[in-house]
């Protein structure tokens, strides 16, 4: 019997996979703007230990671990070093993969954000159609936190002052704590065409799309 801490209920509970005999797991991978460090490695090794234990107990284990190869930090690093954002992302992706190989950590699926732009745009369109997101005058798209009554339930953060605000974009938000799903293009930044104009995904939507793409809408 495996017992784990359930963040939602705040209790230690017996683990039962949604599908008998199969564990489907999504692990948040790196934003590749710098070298892999000890903090990253600690998380990777700890999760690998849990995965190996479950496999020893007879579970089939599907392990998806993303690579965030498009982000504000990557763009800033590229600008600081006079390189393209793609050069930065590719260089530090290679470093990350070499570290995993050295640690003998195997991942079943390694999705990259830039390989899923079409799916991200489609996901955002569905959120807009269902009333959970809106298009700002700039062409950026935000998730409307007021439409989701359980927002903050998992993290335990319910008070407004506990959420980090994107000060630069407050003027065009309906609520101060709405977060960007799509960021309108700025000069010198990478962009893709979308129904709302040129831009790129916001950090929050990327893992939502990649996890459901490979594991479905519910996973362990």
Foldseek 3Di string as FASTA:
>chain_A
DDWDQQLLVRDIGDDDWPDPQEAEDEDEADAQQDADDPVRVVVLVVVQVVVVVSVVVRHHYAYEYEYELAAPSLLVSCVVVVHASNVRSVVSVVNVVVVCVVVVHDHRHYYYLVVCQVLLLVVLVVCVVVPQWDAFPLLWIWGDVVVPPCVCSSVVDDDPVVADFPVVCCVRDPDRRIDTQWDADDPPGDWDQHPSGTTGGDPVSRCVRVSCVPPNPDGD
